[in-house]
C-alpha atoms as a PDB file:
ATOM      1  CA  SER A   1    -234.537  41.032  93.441  1.00  0.00           C
ATOM      2  CA  ILE A   2    -233.715  42.935  90.152  1.00  0.00           C
ATOM      3  CA  MET A   3    -230.212  44.612  89.636  1.00  0.00           C
ATOM      4  CA  PRO A   4    -230.649  48.226  89.708  1.00  0.00           C
ATOM      5  CA  ASP A   5    -230.093  49.760  86.361  1.00  0.00           C
ATOM      6  CA  ALA A   6    -226.426  50.430  85.790  1.00  0.00           C
ATOM      7  CA  GLN A   7    -225.144  53.157  83.523  1.00  0.00           C
ATOM      8  CA  ILE A   8    -222.248  52.536  81.546  1.00  0.00           C
ATOM      9  CA  TYR A   9    -220.309  55.713  80.353  1.00  0.00           C
ATOM     10  CA  ILE A  10    -218.503  55.671  77.053  1.00  0.00           C
ATOM     11  CA  GLN A  11    -216.127  58.216  76.808  1.00  0.00           C
ATOM     12  CA  ASP A  12    -215.934  60.951  73.872  1.00  0.00           C
ATOM     13  CA  PHE A  13    -212.613  61.131  72.530  1.00  0.00           C
ATOM     14  CA  ALA A  14    -213.374  63.710  70.367  1.00  0.00           C
ATOM     15  CA  THR A  15    -210.874  66.417  69.561  1.00  0.00           C
ATOM     16  CA  HIS A  16    -211.245  69.809  70.895  1.00  0.00           C
ATOM     17  CA  HIS A  17    -211.465  71.250  67.370  1.00  0.00           C
ATOM     18  CA  GLU A  18    -214.877  69.961  67.244  1.00  0.00           C
ATOM     19  CA  LYS A  19    -218.022  71.779  68.454  1.00  0.00           C
ATOM     20  CA  ALA A  20    -218.384  72.552  71.939  1.00  0.00           C
ATOM     21  CA  SER A  21    -222.316  72.184  71.788  1.00  0.00           C
ATOM     22  CA  ARG A  22    -221.294  68.209  70.719  1.00  0.00           C
ATOM     23  CA  PRO A  23    -221.864  66.279  74.183  1.00  0.00           C
ATOM     24  CA  ARG A  24    -218.352  64.868  75.893  1.00  0.00           C
ATOM     25  CA  SER A  25    -220.125  61.857  76.844  1.00  0.00           C
ATOM     26  CA  THR A  26    -223.126  59.195  75.491  1.00  0.00           C
ATOM     27  CA  VAL A  27    -224.822  57.507  78.222  1.00  0.00           C
ATOM     28  CA  HIS A  28    -226.495  54.000  77.813  1.00  0.00           C
ATOM     29  CA  LYS A  29    -228.527  52.073  80.242  1.00  0.00           C
ATOM     30  CA  ALA A  30    -227.232  48.315  80.627  1.00  0.00           C
ATOM     31  CA  PRO A  31    -229.600  45.480  80.090  1.00  0.00           C
ATOM     32  CA  LYS A  32    -231.494  44.282  83.275  1.00  0.00           C
ATOM     33  CA  ILE A  33    -230.501  41.156  84.525  1.00  0.00           C
ATOM     34  CA  GLY A  34    -232.939  38.826  86.172  1.00  0.00           C
ATOM     35  CA  ASN A  35    -232.778  37.164  89.891  1.00  0.00           C
ATOM     36  CA  PRO A  36    -230.439  34.162  89.665  1.00  0.00           C
ATOM     37  CA  THR A  37    -231.089  33.179  93.202  1.00  0.00           C
ATOM     38  CA  PRO A  38    -234.365  30.881  92.457  1.00  0.00           C
ATOM     39  CA  LEU A  39    -232.080  28.920  90.035  1.00  0.00           C
ATOM     40  CA  GLY A  40    -229.372  28.311  92.655  1.00  0.00           C
ATOM     41  CA  LEU A  41    -232.400  27.338  95.404  1.00  0.00           C
ATOM     42  CA  SER A  42    -233.840  24.820  93.156  1.00  0.00           C
ATOM     43  CA  SER A  43    -230.779  23.386  91.944  1.00  0.00           C
ATOM     44  CA  PHE A  44    -229.481  23.107  95.689  1.00  0.00           C
ATOM     45  CA  ALA A  45    -232.684  21.722  97.363  1.00  0.00           C
ATOM     46  CA  LEU A  46    -233.267  18.928  94.221  1.00  0.00           C
ATOM     47  CA  SER A  47    -229.577  17.782  94.853  1.00  0.00           C
ATOM     48  CA  VAL A  48    -229.733  17.747  98.656  1.00  0.00           C
ATOM     49  CA  PHE A  49    -233.534  16.191  98.347  1.00  0.00           C
ATOM     50  CA  ILE A  50    -232.469  13.116  96.136  1.00  0.00           C
ATOM     51  CA  LEU A  51    -228.866  12.404  98.309  1.00  0.00           C
ATOM     52  CA  ALA A  52    -230.925  12.622 101.499  1.00  0.00           C
ATOM     53  CA  PHE A  53    -233.172   9.799 100.405  1.00  0.00           C
ATOM     54  CA  TYR A  54    -230.154   7.679  99.147  1.00  0.00           C
ATOM     55  CA  ASN A  55    -228.765   8.522 102.571  1.00  0.00           C
ATOM     56  CA  ILE A  56    -231.719   6.984 104.469  1.00  0.00           C
ATOM     57  CA  GLY A  57    -231.918   3.813 102.181  1.00  0.00           C
ATOM     58  CA  ALA A  58    -235.423   4.550 100.807  1.00  0.00           C
ATOM     59  CA  PHE A  59    -237.000   2.060  98.966  1.00  0.00           C
ATOM     60  CA  GLY A  60    -233.575  -0.051  99.027  1.00  0.00           C
ATOM     61  CA  ILE A  61    -231.906   1.557  96.269  1.00  0.00           C
ATOM     62  CA  GLN A  62    -228.326   1.124  96.392  1.00  0.00           C
ATOM     63  CA  ILE A  63    -226.912   2.070  93.019  1.00  0.00           C
ATOM     64  CA  PRO A  64    -225.539   5.624  92.890  1.00  0.00           C
ATOM     65  CA  ASN A  65    -225.971   6.294  89.065  1.00  0.00           C
ATOM     66  CA  VAL A  66    -228.776   8.692  89.547  1.00  0.00           C
ATOM     67  CA  ILE A  67    -227.136  10.864  92.382  1.00  0.00           C
ATOM     68  CA  VAL A  68    -223.911  11.016  89.881  1.00  0.00           C
ATOM     69  CA  GLY A  69    -226.065  12.713  87.292  1.00  0.00           C
ATOM     70  CA  VAL A  70    -227.626  14.902  89.701  1.00  0.00           C
ATOM     71  CA  SER A  71    -224.447  15.894  91.412  1.00  0.00           C
ATOM     72  CA  MET A  72    -222.752  16.815  87.934  1.00  0.00           C
ATOM     73  CA  PHE A  73    -225.354  18.772  86.219  1.00  0.00           C
ATOM     74  CA  THR A  74    -228.051  19.852  88.725  1.00  0.00           C
ATOM     75  CA  GLY A  75    -225.896  20.397  91.751  1.00  0.00           C
ATOM     76  CA  GLY A  76    -222.681  21.233  89.945  1.00  0.00           C
ATOM     77  CA  VAL A  77    -223.286  22.843  86.673  1.00  0.00           C
ATOM     78  CA  VAL A  78    -226.493  24.898  87.360  1.00  0.00           C
ATOM     79  CA  GLN A  79    -225.659  25.805  90.788  1.00  0.00           C
ATOM     80  CA  PHE A  80    -222.368  26.804  90.064  1.00  0.00           C
ATOM     81  CA  ALA A  81    -223.567  29.155  87.244  1.00  0.00           C
ATOM     82  CA  ALA A  82    -226.341  30.675  89.261  1.00  0.00           C
ATOM     83  CA  GLY A  83    -223.271  31.411  91.810  1.00  0.00           C
ATOM     84  CA  MET A  84    -221.474  33.419  88.977  1.00  0.00           C
ATOM     85  CA  TRP A  85    -224.868  35.651  88.077  1.00  0.00           C
ATOM     86  CA  GLU A  86    -225.119  36.071  91.864  1.00  0.00           C
ATOM     87  CA  PHE A  87    -221.433  37.688  91.722  1.00  0.00           C
ATOM     88  CA  LYS A  88    -222.700  39.743  88.722  1.00  0.00           C
ATOM     89  CA  VAL A  89    -225.848  41.540  90.570  1.00  0.00           C
ATOM     90  CA  GLY A  90    -223.551  41.872  93.681  1.00  0.00           C
ATOM     91  CA  ASN A  91    -224.429  39.349  96.108  1.00  0.00           C
ATOM     92  CA  THR A  92    -221.643  37.924  97.489  1.00  0.00           C
ATOM     93  CA  PHE A  93    -223.178  35.772  99.968  1.00  0.00           C
ATOM     94  CA  GLY A  94    -225.285  34.044  97.322  1.00  0.00           C
ATOM     95  CA  GLY A  95    -222.157  33.853  94.997  1.00  0.00           C
ATOM     96  CA  THR A  96    -219.992  32.183  97.463  1.00  0.00           C
ATOM     97  CA  GLY A  97    -222.666  29.979  98.513  1.00  0.00           C
ATOM     98  CA  PHE A  98    -223.818  28.702  95.047  1.00  0.00           C
ATOM     99  CA  GLY A  99    -220.609  28.671  93.700  1.00  0.00           C
ATOM    100  CA  ALA A 100    -218.774  26.858  96.456  1.00  0.00           C
ATOM    101  CA  PHE A 101    -221.566  24.146  96.481  1.00  0.00           C
ATOM    102  CA  GLY A 102    -221.728  23.882  93.072  1.00  0.00           C
ATOM    103  CA  GLY A 103    -217.978  22.763  93.464  1.00  0.00           C
ATOM    104  CA  PHE A 104    -219.245  20.535  96.091  1.00  0.00           C
ATOM    105  CA  TRP A 105    -221.568  18.446  93.961  1.00  0.00           C
ATOM    106  CA  ALA A 106    -219.334  18.276  90.955  1.00  0.00           C
ATOM    107  CA  SER A 107    -216.673  16.934  93.072  1.00  0.00           C
ATOM    108  CA  PHE A 108    -218.885  14.496  94.888  1.00  0.00           C
ATOM    109  CA  GLY A 109    -220.200  13.150  91.656  1.00  0.00           C
ATOM    110  CA  ALA A 110    -216.500  13.059  90.287  1.00  0.00           C
ATOM    111  CA  ILE A 111    -215.940  10.346  93.263  1.00  0.00           C
ATOM    112  CA  TYR A 112    -218.110   7.674  91.900  1.00  0.00           C
ATOM    113  CA  ILE A 113    -216.902   8.210  88.277  1.00  0.00           C
ATOM    114  CA  PRO A 114    -214.157   5.658  87.034  1.00  0.00           C
ATOM    115  CA  LEU A 115    -212.799   8.254  84.833  1.00  0.00           C
ATOM    116  CA  PHE A 116    -211.912  10.100  87.877  1.00  0.00           C
ATOM    117  CA  VAL A 117    -210.533   6.769  89.286  1.00  0.00           C
ATOM    118  CA  SER A 118    -211.445   8.139  92.461  1.00  0.00           C
ATOM    119  CA  LEU A 119    -213.033   4.592  93.606  1.00  0.00           C
ATOM    120  CA  LEU A 120    -210.560   2.575  91.440  1.00  0.00           C
ATOM    121  CA  ALA A 121    -207.566   3.896  93.294  1.00  0.00           C
ATOM    122  CA  PHE A 122    -208.948   2.095  96.380  1.00  0.00           C
ATOM    123  CA  ASN A 123    -207.992  -1.747  95.358  1.00  0.00           C
ATOM    124  CA  MET A 124    -208.262  -1.060  91.689  1.00  0.00           C
ATOM    125  CA  PHE A 125    -211.250  -2.954  90.098  1.00  0.00           C
ATOM    126  CA  GLY A 126    -211.890  -5.260  92.933  1.00  0.00           C
ATOM    127  CA  PHE A 127    -212.943  -2.487  95.062  1.00  0.00           C
ATOM    128  CA  ALA A 128    -214.698  -0.820  92.602  1.00  0.00           C
ATOM    129  CA  ILE A 129    -217.101  -3.717  91.476  1.00  0.00           C
ATOM    130  CA  ALA A 130    -217.625  -4.972  94.956  1.00  0.00           C
ATOM    131  CA  GLY A 131    -218.119  -1.331  96.301  1.00  0.00           C
ATOM    132  CA  ILE A 132    -220.656   0.164  93.983  1.00  0.00           C
ATOM    133  CA  GLN A 133    -223.556  -1.682  96.334  1.00  0.00           C
ATOM    134  CA  ASP A 134    -224.868   1.262  98.090  1.00  0.00           C
ATOM    135  CA  ALA A 135    -224.863   5.114  98.337  1.00  0.00           C
ATOM    136  CA  PHE A 136    -220.885   5.481  99.082  1.00  0.00           C
ATOM    137  CA  GLY A 137    -219.719   2.498  97.283  1.00  0.00           C
ATOM    138  CA  VAL A 138    -219.277   0.037 100.104  1.00  0.00           C
ATOM    139  CA  LYS A 139    -221.047  -3.740 100.688  1.00  0.00           C
ATOM    140  CA  THR A 140    -223.423  -4.334 103.323  1.00  0.00           C
ATOM    141  CA  ASP A 141    -225.451  -7.282 104.803  1.00  0.00           C
ATOM    142  CA  LEU A 142    -228.992  -7.524 104.630  1.00  0.00           C
ATOM    143  CA  ALA A 143    -229.165  -5.697 108.033  1.00  0.00           C
ATOM    144  CA  GLY A 144    -227.549  -3.031 106.462  1.00  0.00           C
ATOM    145  CA  ASN A 145    -224.286  -3.706 108.291  1.00  0.00           C
ATOM    146  CA  PHE A 146    -220.512  -3.006 107.106  1.00  0.00           C
ATOM    147  CA  VAL A 147    -218.814  -6.252 105.447  1.00  0.00           C
ATOM    148  CA  ALA A 148    -215.677  -6.426 104.546  1.00  0.00           C
ATOM    149  CA  ILE A 149    -215.320  -8.976 101.642  1.00  0.00           C
ATOM    150  CA  ASN A 150    -211.882  -9.810 102.414  1.00  0.00           C
ATOM    151  CA  SER A 151    -209.068  -8.105 104.456  1.00  0.00           C
ATOM    152  CA  THR A 152    -207.523  -6.154 101.463  1.00  0.00           C
ATOM    153  CA  VAL A 153    -210.760  -5.136 100.429  1.00  0.00           C
ATOM    154  CA  GLY A 154    -211.463  -4.164 103.977  1.00  0.00           C
ATOM    155  CA  ASP A 155    -208.306  -1.993 104.205  1.00  0.00           C
ATOM    156  CA  ALA A 156    -209.261  -0.343 101.276  1.00  0.00           C
ATOM    157  CA  VAL A 157    -212.915   0.407 102.230  1.00  0.00           C
ATOM    158  CA  GLU A 158    -211.527   1.652 105.351  1.00  0.00           C
ATOM    159  CA  GLN A 159    -209.317   4.123 103.738  1.00  0.00           C
ATOM    160  CA  PHE A 160    -212.181   5.336 101.367  1.00  0.00           C
ATOM    161  CA  HIS A 161    -214.648   5.718 104.175  1.00  0.00           C
ATOM    162  CA  HIS A 162    -211.869   7.902 106.241  1.00  0.00           C
ATOM    163  CA  SER A 163    -211.047   9.940 102.928  1.00  0.00           C
ATOM    164  CA  LEU A 164    -214.689  10.787 102.757  1.00  0.00           C
ATOM    165  CA  ALA A 165    -214.739  11.593 106.454  1.00  0.00           C
ATOM    166  CA  ILE A 166    -211.982  14.302 105.733  1.00  0.00           C
ATOM    167  CA  TYR A 167    -213.626  15.388 102.702  1.00  0.00           C
ATOM    168  CA  CYS A 168    -217.114  15.784 104.737  1.00  0.00           C
ATOM    169  CA  LEU A 169    -215.019  17.444 107.790  1.00  0.00           C
ATOM    170  CA  GLY A 170    -213.687  20.089 105.209  1.00  0.00           C
ATOM    171  CA  TRP A 171    -217.397  20.775 103.796  1.00  0.00           C
ATOM    172  CA  LEU A 172    -218.856  20.767 107.738  1.00  0.00           C
ATOM    173  CA  ILE A 173    -216.314  23.664 108.636  1.00  0.00           C
ATOM    174  CA  PHE A 174    -217.435  25.689 105.470  1.00  0.00           C
ATOM    175  CA  THR A 175    -220.982  25.454 106.293  1.00  0.00           C
ATOM    176  CA  PHE A 176    -220.657  25.950 109.853  1.00  0.00           C
ATOM    177  CA  ILE A 177    -218.960  29.344 108.770  1.00  0.00           C
ATOM    178  CA  PHE A 178    -222.015  30.017 106.446  1.00  0.00           C
ATOM    179  CA  THR A 179    -224.662  29.376 109.145  1.00  0.00           C
ATOM    180  CA  LEU A 180    -222.902  31.843 111.395  1.00  0.00           C
ATOM    181  CA  ALA A 181    -223.200  34.432 108.373  1.00  0.00           C
ATOM    182  CA  CYS A 182    -226.599  33.790 107.801  1.00  0.00           C
ATOM    183  CA  ILE A 183    -227.970  34.463 111.302  1.00  0.00           C
ATOM    184  CA  ARG A 184    -229.630  38.268 109.973  1.00  0.00           C
ATOM    185  CA  THR A 185    -231.043  36.650 106.642  1.00  0.00           C
ATOM    186  CA  ASN A 186    -234.175  35.121 107.440  1.00  0.00           C
ATOM    187  CA  MET A 187    -235.385  31.802 109.390  1.00  0.00           C
ATOM    188  CA  ALA A 188    -235.890  29.775 106.099  1.00  0.00           C
ATOM    189  CA  VAL A 189    -232.340  30.057 105.193  1.00  0.00           C
ATOM    190  CA  LEU A 190    -230.739  29.850 108.601  1.00  0.00           C
ATOM    191  CA  GLY A 191    -232.641  26.560 108.959  1.00  0.00           C
ATOM    192  CA  ALA A 192    -231.238  25.311 105.966  1.00  0.00           C
ATOM    193  CA  PHE A 193    -227.815  25.833 107.003  1.00  0.00           C
ATOM    194  CA  VAL A 194    -228.373  24.434 110.315  1.00  0.00           C
ATOM    195  CA  PHE A 195    -229.443  21.293 109.265  1.00  0.00           C
ATOM    196  CA  LEU A 196    -227.015  21.017 106.442  1.00  0.00           C
ATOM    197  CA  THR A 197    -224.289  21.553 109.053  1.00  0.00           C
ATOM    198  CA  ALA A 198    -225.935  18.980 111.157  1.00  0.00           C
ATOM    199  CA  SER A 199    -226.143  16.652 108.122  1.00  0.00           C
ATOM    200  CA  PHE A 200    -222.059  16.885 107.610  1.00  0.00           C
ATOM    201  CA  LEU A 201    -221.870  16.375 111.094  1.00  0.00           C
ATOM    202  CA  PHE A 202    -223.367  13.000 111.014  1.00  0.00           C
ATOM    203  CA  GLU A 203    -221.698  12.175 107.586  1.00  0.00           C
ATOM    204  CA  VAL A 204    -218.470  12.623 109.334  1.00  0.00           C
ATOM    205  CA  ILE A 205    -219.266  10.397 112.087  1.00  0.00           C
ATOM    206  CA  TYR A 206    -220.499   7.786 110.007  1.00  0.00           C
ATOM    207  CA  HIS A 207    -217.607   7.752 107.449  1.00  0.00           C
ATOM    208  CA  PHE A 208    -215.119   7.178 110.726  1.00  0.00           C
ATOM    209  CA  ASN A 209    -217.720   4.531 112.112  1.00  0.00           C
ATOM    210  CA  PRO A 210    -219.035   3.110 108.933  1.00  0.00           C
ATOM    211  CA  SER A 211    -220.527  -0.254 110.694  1.00  0.00           C
ATOM    212  CA  THR A 212    -222.805   1.839 112.331  1.00  0.00           C
ATOM    213  CA  THR A 213    -225.345   2.820 109.746  1.00  0.00           C
ATOM    214  CA  ILE A 214    -227.899   4.788 111.876  1.00  0.00           C
ATOM    215  CA  PHE A 215    -225.552   7.842 111.458  1.00  0.00           C
ATOM    216  CA  ILE A 216    -225.803   8.203 107.562  1.00  0.00           C
ATOM    217  CA  LYS A 217    -229.544   7.550 108.151  1.00  0.00           C
ATOM    218  CA  ILE A 218    -229.814  10.575 110.636  1.00  0.00           C
ATOM    219  CA  ALA A 219    -227.517  12.560 108.141  1.00  0.00           C
ATOM    220  CA  GLY A 220    -230.221  11.632 105.469  1.00  0.00           C
ATOM    221  CA  VAL A 221    -233.273  13.030 107.661  1.00  0.00           C
ATOM    222  CA  LEU A 222    -231.630  16.043 108.199  1.00  0.00           C
ATOM    223  CA  GLY A 223    -230.872  16.395 104.478  1.00  0.00           C
ATOM    224  CA  ILE A 224    -234.560  15.866 103.953  1.00  0.00           C
ATOM    225  CA  LEU A 225    -235.232  18.533 106.529  1.00  0.00           C
ATOM    226  CA  CYS A 226    -232.404  20.999 104.631  1.00  0.00           C
ATOM    227  CA  SER A 227    -233.928  20.448 101.298  1.00  0.00           C
ATOM    228  CA  SER A 228    -237.665  21.415 102.713  1.00  0.00           C
ATOM    229  CA  CYS A 229    -236.434  24.680 104.051  1.00  0.00           C
ATOM    230  CA  VAL A 230    -234.420  25.589 100.720  1.00  0.00           C
ATOM    231  CA  TYR A 231    -237.928  24.643  98.764  1.00  0.00           C
ATOM    232  CA  TYR A 232    -239.801  27.119 101.041  1.00  0.00           C
ATOM    233  CA  CYS A 233    -237.237  29.583 100.317  1.00  0.00           C
ATOM    234  CA  LEU A 234    -237.734  28.931  96.584  1.00  0.00           C
ATOM    235  CA  ALA A 235    -241.400  29.062  96.871  1.00  0.00           C
ATOM    236  CA  GLY A 236    -240.956  32.498  99.116  1.00  0.00           C
ATOM    237  CA  VAL A 237    -238.695  34.092  96.315  1.00  0.00           C
ATOM    238  CA  LEU A 238    -241.179  32.877  93.625  1.00  0.00           C
ATOM    239  CA  LEU A 239    -244.217  33.776  94.889  1.00  0.00           C
ATOM    240  CA  THR A 240    -244.199  37.348  93.928  1.00  0.00           C
ATOM    241  CA  PRO A 241    -247.215  39.586  93.861  1.00  0.00           C
ATOM    242  CA  ASP A 242    -246.935  39.946  90.196  1.00  0.00           C
ATOM    243  CA  LEU A 243    -246.881  36.053  89.418  1.00  0.00           C
ATOM    244  CA  SER A 244    -249.075  34.654  92.311  1.00  0.00           C
ATOM    245  CA  PRO A 245    -251.675  35.529  94.519  1.00  0.00           C
ATOM    246  CA  ILE A 246    -249.909  33.352  97.094  1.00  0.00           C
ATOM    247  CA  SER A 247    -246.972  34.541  99.223  1.00  0.00           C
ATOM    248  CA  LEU A 248    -244.995  32.803 101.725  1.00  0.00           C
ATOM    249  CA  PRO A 249    -243.242  34.646 104.948  1.00  0.00           C
ATOM    250  CA  LEU A 250    -239.648  34.229 105.048  1.00  0.00           C
ATOM    251  CA  TRP A 251    -239.586  35.602 108.648  1.00  0.00           C
ATOM    252  CA  ASP A 252    -237.031  38.550 108.255  1.00  0.00           C
ATOM    253  CA  LEU A 253    -234.120  38.050 110.966  1.00  0.00           C
ATOM    254  CA  SER A 254    -232.210  41.329 109.737  1.00  0.00           C
ATOM    255  CA  LYS A 255    -231.269  44.027 112.321  1.00  0.00           C
ATOM    256  CA  LYS A 256    -233.928  46.518 112.129  1.00  0.00           C
ATOM    257  CA  ASP A 257    -232.774  50.324 112.401  1.00  0.00           C
ATOM    258  CA  ASN A 258    -234.193  51.906 115.807  1.00  0.00           C
END
């Protein structure tokens, strides 16, 4: 959607000695602002999609370098910027969602950057070096089971997982509230938040039970479903009659007036 033309009124501070025929105010039209929603949707979908494949252990990828860059810039900077422009066009829901999740992605990426010492704080370099072996910085055996290198590192890894569990729990609560808030938006948006809420739930369960890796894989599958819904929303918003002969229904859930 495009923001309606706004009018900025510049007061004329002319004195009463000037001619009465002179207009007392000058009206200028503010420039139109494009719709920031597709930008926010694209960054959100891409970030969730990539992290979800890390979670399911696709192609045996364990080094998290790529997801760090995506989290900081695509999910963090771009999505936060989209959220601020949503506020500009008067969309509180979109501004809050994109802005908050921009913060989520930036903070998630920071966990795996040594400069922020999130990893180094847990047993310093010994844990950080040994830990960057899967998407969540922990060592696993060939079967994907949790392995404690020694008792000290094991304790540090457990604390790290429990810290991430609390972190994900906070975002689970936030996402659940947003799920309730989007019940009357459309099916695609509602589906995305339902899957995202469920994904956070299984992330919390996994980090409290890191030896049971099936939970993080379930979270990954739910993340793929979430990103699919968001990609669908993106296509539905971008494929307008003036740009494409193709259109996708979003199945509006808003309350209809009788």
